[in-house]
């Protein structure tokens, strides 16, 4: 006796759903090596420039592309700012701030990258990145809440920190409390790298840097363990350095 038409439709639909589930690609954890965190929404309101700030350090603090921040405030290269100056985070660059993606969650690190993220990875891979120092990975990218924006590398305090690629120092100071003594190097219009928690900085802003040049000495945590915090950002958005640095044997 033939099954009713309704039951046949349900059965076929169920089989199709099961087949589709089997055929769908499962997110691979390797994507975590290349995933970049989505930018947080720009802080509302305004910011008063403090002594020691640069436009790059302000953009870095708030997860913005420095060119976006400059456009909003009608500041041209070389992006000179002054203590007491008021900067806006939105309002003048048409729709730029509103187009920034929202916050990410740790689960996002296991989803396939979008086309724009794939393009940013391809661009980053054209830069010859090098490890800033030798040491074990002490903290991975994208863990915790909020997720970490870089990696921590364990090394004895006083270890030489080297530039991961050639570029120009756009910030050297301790104005970003969470990063301690921090160096930010601009490698292109789109890419910067950052080196935090140093005990001593050995370079100055505007200085041209060669790949492998010693730029700082590592500091240590309250526990006494030495470490370097290292980030790579594309247009203000943190990328996972492990997808760009040479693989360790």
Protein backbone atom coordinates (compact mmCIF):
# COMPACT_ATOMS: atom_id res chain seq x y z
CA UNK A 1 0.00 0.00 0.00
CA UNK A 2 1.51 3.36 -1.06
CA UNK A 3 2.29 5.93 1.63
CA UNK A 4 0.15 9.09 1.64
CA UNK A 5 1.58 11.96 -0.42
CA UNK A 6 2.07 14.09 2.71
CA UNK A 7 4.22 11.45 4.38
CA UNK A 8 6.30 11.01 1.19
CA UNK A 9 7.01 14.78 1.11
CA UNK A 10 8.06 14.80 4.78
CA UNK A 11 10.34 11.81 4.23
CA UNK A 12 12.03 13.31 1.18
CA UNK A 13 12.49 16.65 2.96
CA UNK A 14 14.07 14.91 5.95
CA UNK A 15 16.52 13.01 3.73
CA UNK A 16 17.49 16.22 1.91
CA UNK A 17 18.14 18.03 5.17
CA UNK A 18 20.31 15.19 6.44
CA UNK A 19 22.29 15.05 3.19
CA UNK A 20 22.82 18.79 3.23
CA UNK A 21 24.08 18.62 6.80
CA UNK A 22 26.58 15.92 5.84
CA UNK A 23 27.77 17.84 2.80
CA UNK A 24 28.15 21.22 4.54
CA UNK A 25 31.77 22.00 5.41
CA UNK A 26 32.59 21.92 9.10
CA UNK A 27 34.48 25.01 10.32
CA UNK A 28 38.13 24.00 10.71
CA UNK A 29 40.15 25.14 13.67
CA UNK A 30 42.93 26.19 11.30
CA UNK A 31 40.77 29.20 10.51
CA UNK A 32 41.69 30.35 13.99
CA UNK A 33 45.23 30.97 12.75
CA UNK A 34 44.03 33.51 10.21
CA UNK A 35 40.95 35.01 11.83
CA UNK A 36 40.94 38.72 12.59
CA UNK A 37 38.72 40.14 15.29
CA UNK A 38 35.89 42.37 14.21
CA UNK A 39 36.37 45.97 15.24
CA UNK A 40 34.46 47.18 18.23
CA UNK A 41 32.07 50.04 17.60
CA UNK A 42 33.82 53.40 18.00
CA UNK A 43 33.54 54.96 21.43
CA UNK A 44 30.74 57.53 21.47
CA UNK A 45 31.40 61.21 21.97
CA UNK A 46 34.76 62.91 21.86
CA UNK A 47 38.32 62.55 23.06
CA UNK A 48 40.64 65.26 24.41
CA UNK A 49 44.21 64.76 23.23
CA UNK A 50 46.72 64.31 26.06
CA UNK A 51 50.46 64.95 26.11
CA UNK A 52 52.24 61.98 24.51
CA UNK A 53 49.27 60.94 22.36
CA UNK A 54 49.64 60.42 18.63
CA UNK A 55 46.78 59.92 16.21
CA UNK A 56 48.00 56.35 15.79
CA UNK A 57 47.90 55.62 19.53
CA UNK A 58 44.38 57.05 19.80
CA UNK A 59 43.21 55.03 16.81
CA UNK A 60 44.91 51.93 18.29
CA UNK A 61 43.21 52.43 21.67
CA UNK A 62 39.76 52.64 20.08
CA UNK A 63 40.20 49.99 17.36
CA UNK A 64 40.01 52.47 14.46
CA UNK A 65 41.84 52.84 11.17
CA UNK A 66 43.99 55.95 11.61
CA UNK A 67 42.91 57.24 8.19
CA UNK A 68 39.27 56.93 9.23
CA UNK A 69 39.92 58.87 12.43
CA UNK A 70 41.88 61.50 10.48
CA UNK A 71 39.08 61.87 7.93
CA UNK A 72 36.43 62.28 10.62
CA UNK A 73 38.46 65.12 12.13
CA UNK A 74 39.75 66.59 8.84
CA UNK A 75 43.39 66.00 9.74
CA UNK A 76 45.85 65.46 6.90
CA UNK A 77 49.22 63.66 6.89
CA UNK A 78 51.46 63.60 8.86
CA UNK A 79 48.51 63.56 11.30
CA UNK A 80 49.84 66.16 13.73
CA UNK A 81 47.70 66.67 16.85
CA UNK A 82 48.06 68.81 19.95
CA UNK A 83 47.36 68.38 23.69
CA UNK A 84 43.88 69.69 24.47
CA UNK A 85 42.62 69.15 20.93
CA UNK A 86 39.15 67.56 20.75
CA UNK A 87 38.74 64.60 18.40
CA UNK A 88 35.44 63.12 17.30
CA UNK A 89 34.92 59.40 16.77
CA UNK A 90 32.01 59.83 14.37
CA UNK A 91 30.12 62.45 12.43
CA UNK A 92 32.29 63.87 9.66
CA UNK A 93 33.38 60.96 7.48
CA UNK A 94 30.21 59.90 5.69
CA UNK A 95 28.97 56.67 7.20
CA UNK A 96 32.47 55.42 7.98
CA UNK A 97 31.85 54.79 11.67
CA UNK A 98 28.43 53.29 11.09
CA UNK A 99 29.87 50.76 8.65
CA UNK A 100 32.26 49.29 11.18
CA UNK A 101 31.31 45.72 12.16
CA UNK A 102 30.17 44.96 15.68
CA UNK A 103 32.00 43.14 18.47
CA UNK A 104 33.07 39.56 18.00
CA UNK A 105 32.80 36.55 20.28
CA UNK A 106 35.34 33.76 20.84
CA UNK A 107 33.10 31.40 18.82
CA UNK A 108 33.68 33.57 15.75
CA UNK A 109 37.29 32.38 15.67
CA UNK A 110 36.09 28.97 14.43
CA UNK A 111 33.96 30.22 11.53
CA UNK A 112 35.27 30.49 7.96
CA UNK A 113 36.73 33.91 7.11
CA UNK A 114 34.72 36.28 4.94
CA UNK A 115 35.94 37.48 1.54
CA UNK A 116 37.16 40.76 3.04
CA UNK A 117 39.03 38.93 5.80
CA UNK A 118 40.62 36.60 3.23
CA UNK A 119 41.74 39.65 1.24
CA UNK A 120 43.27 41.26 4.33
CA UNK A 121 45.16 38.04 5.12
CA UNK A 122 46.48 37.88 1.55
CA UNK A 123 47.68 41.48 1.82
CA UNK A 124 49.33 40.82 5.19
CA UNK A 125 51.13 37.78 3.81
CA UNK A 126 52.85 40.01 1.24
CA UNK A 127 54.78 41.51 4.16
CA UNK A 128 57.68 39.34 5.31
CA UNK A 129 56.78 39.00 8.99
CA UNK A 130 59.30 37.74 11.54
CA UNK A 131 58.96 36.71 15.17
CA UNK A 132 59.82 39.68 17.43
CA UNK A 133 61.68 37.34 19.77
CA UNK A 134 62.19 33.66 20.49
CA UNK A 135 59.96 32.23 23.18
CA UNK A 136 57.02 30.02 24.00
CA UNK A 137 53.47 31.12 23.33
CA UNK A 138 52.10 32.23 26.70
CA UNK A 139 48.67 33.41 25.56
CA UNK A 140 46.83 32.84 22.30
CA UNK A 141 44.91 35.27 20.14
CA UNK A 142 41.17 35.72 20.62
CA UNK A 143 40.78 34.03 24.01
CA UNK A 144 38.95 35.38 27.01
CA UNK A 145 36.21 37.98 27.33
CA UNK A 146 36.92 40.43 25.88
CA UNK A 147 39.08 38.40 23.48
CA UNK A 148 42.81 39.12 23.41
CA UNK A 149 43.86 41.22 20.43
CA UNK A 150 47.28 39.66 20.02
CA UNK A 151 49.54 37.00 21.47
CA UNK A 152 51.82 36.92 24.51
CA UNK A 153 55.30 35.46 24.10
CA UNK A 154 57.20 34.30 27.17
CA UNK A 155 60.81 35.47 27.49
CA UNK A 156 63.11 36.51 30.35
CA UNK A 157 62.84 40.18 31.30
CA UNK A 158 65.38 42.22 29.35
CA UNK A 159 65.18 40.08 26.20
CA UNK A 160 65.73 42.08 23.00
CA UNK A 161 62.49 42.80 21.12
CA UNK A 162 62.95 43.06 17.35
CA UNK A 163 60.78 44.69 14.68
CA UNK A 164 58.64 42.07 12.94
CA UNK A 165 58.92 43.98 9.64
CA UNK A 166 60.44 47.20 8.36
CA UNK A 167 58.53 50.42 8.95
CA UNK A 168 58.28 53.67 10.90
CA UNK A 169 57.69 54.16 14.63
CA UNK A 170 54.37 55.98 15.02
CA UNK A 171 54.11 55.64 18.79
CA UNK A 172 56.60 54.97 21.61
CA UNK A 173 55.37 55.59 25.13
CA UNK A 174 53.33 54.44 28.09
CA UNK A 175 50.08 56.33 27.52
CA UNK A 176 48.01 53.17 26.93
CA UNK A 177 47.90 51.78 30.45
CA UNK A 178 46.89 48.24 29.47
CA UNK A 179 49.99 47.94 27.26
CA UNK A 180 52.66 49.44 29.52
CA UNK A 181 55.65 50.69 27.55
CA UNK A 182 54.42 50.29 23.98
CA UNK A 183 55.93 50.62 20.50
CA UNK A 184 53.70 50.82 17.42
CA UNK A 185 55.29 50.47 13.97
CA UNK A 186 53.56 51.40 10.73
CA UNK A 187 54.48 49.01 7.91
CA UNK A 188 52.13 50.34 5.22
CA UNK A 189 48.98 52.44 4.97
CA UNK A 190 47.04 49.37 6.10
CA UNK A 191 49.25 47.51 8.57
CA UNK A 192 50.79 48.22 11.95
CA UNK A 193 52.40 46.02 14.58
CA UNK A 194 52.48 46.67 18.31
CA UNK A 195 54.88 45.54 21.06
CA UNK A 196 53.68 45.95 24.64
CA UNK A 197 54.75 45.40 28.26
CA UNK A 198 58.37 46.40 27.71
CA UNK A 199 60.68 47.58 30.49
CA UNK A 200 62.67 49.81 28.15
CA UNK A 201 62.00 51.41 24.75
CA UNK A 202 64.98 51.84 22.41
CA UNK A 203 63.37 53.77 19.54
CA UNK A 204 61.61 57.11 19.09
CA UNK A 205 58.60 58.25 17.12
CA UNK A 206 59.19 58.95 13.39
CA UNK A 207 62.28 56.70 13.44
CA UNK A 208 62.67 54.45 10.39
CA UNK A 209 63.06 50.82 11.42
CA UNK A 210 64.61 47.84 9.65
CA UNK A 211 63.24 44.34 10.01
CA UNK A 212 64.93 42.63 12.95
CA UNK A 213 66.13 45.89 14.49
CA UNK A 214 66.08 45.88 18.30
CA UNK A 215 63.34 48.28 19.41
CA UNK A 216 62.80 47.44 23.11
CA UNK A 217 63.55 45.13 26.03
CA UNK A 218 60.88 42.89 27.49
CA UNK A 219 59.39 43.60 30.88
CA UNK A 220 57.73 41.25 33.34
CA UNK A 221 54.40 40.62 35.03
CA UNK A 222 53.74 41.13 38.73
CA UNK A 223 54.43 37.41 39.10
CA UNK A 224 57.96 37.99 37.85
CA UNK A 225 57.47 36.17 34.55
CA UNK A 226 58.81 37.97 31.50
CA UNK A 227 56.62 38.40 28.43
CA UNK A 228 55.98 40.43 25.28
CA UNK A 229 52.51 41.31 24.04
CA UNK A 230 52.50 41.38 20.23
CA UNK A 231 49.76 42.50 17.82
CA UNK A 232 49.29 42.93 14.08
CA UNK A 233 46.41 45.14 12.92
CA UNK A 234 44.89 45.68 9.48
CA UNK A 235 43.11 49.04 9.18
CA UNK A 236 42.69 49.08 12.94
CA UNK A 237 41.36 45.52 13.21
CA UNK A 238 43.49 42.94 15.11
CA UNK A 239 44.67 39.90 13.13
CA UNK A 240 45.98 36.64 14.51
CA UNK A 241 49.79 36.89 14.30
CA UNK A 242 50.11 33.09 14.25
CA UNK A 243 48.66 33.02 10.75
CA UNK A 244 51.29 35.45 9.48
CA UNK A 245 54.48 34.63 11.38
CA UNK A 246 56.68 31.74 10.20
CA UNK A 247 55.64 28.41 11.68
CA UNK A 248 57.92 27.18 14.45
CA UNK A 249 59.40 23.71 14.07
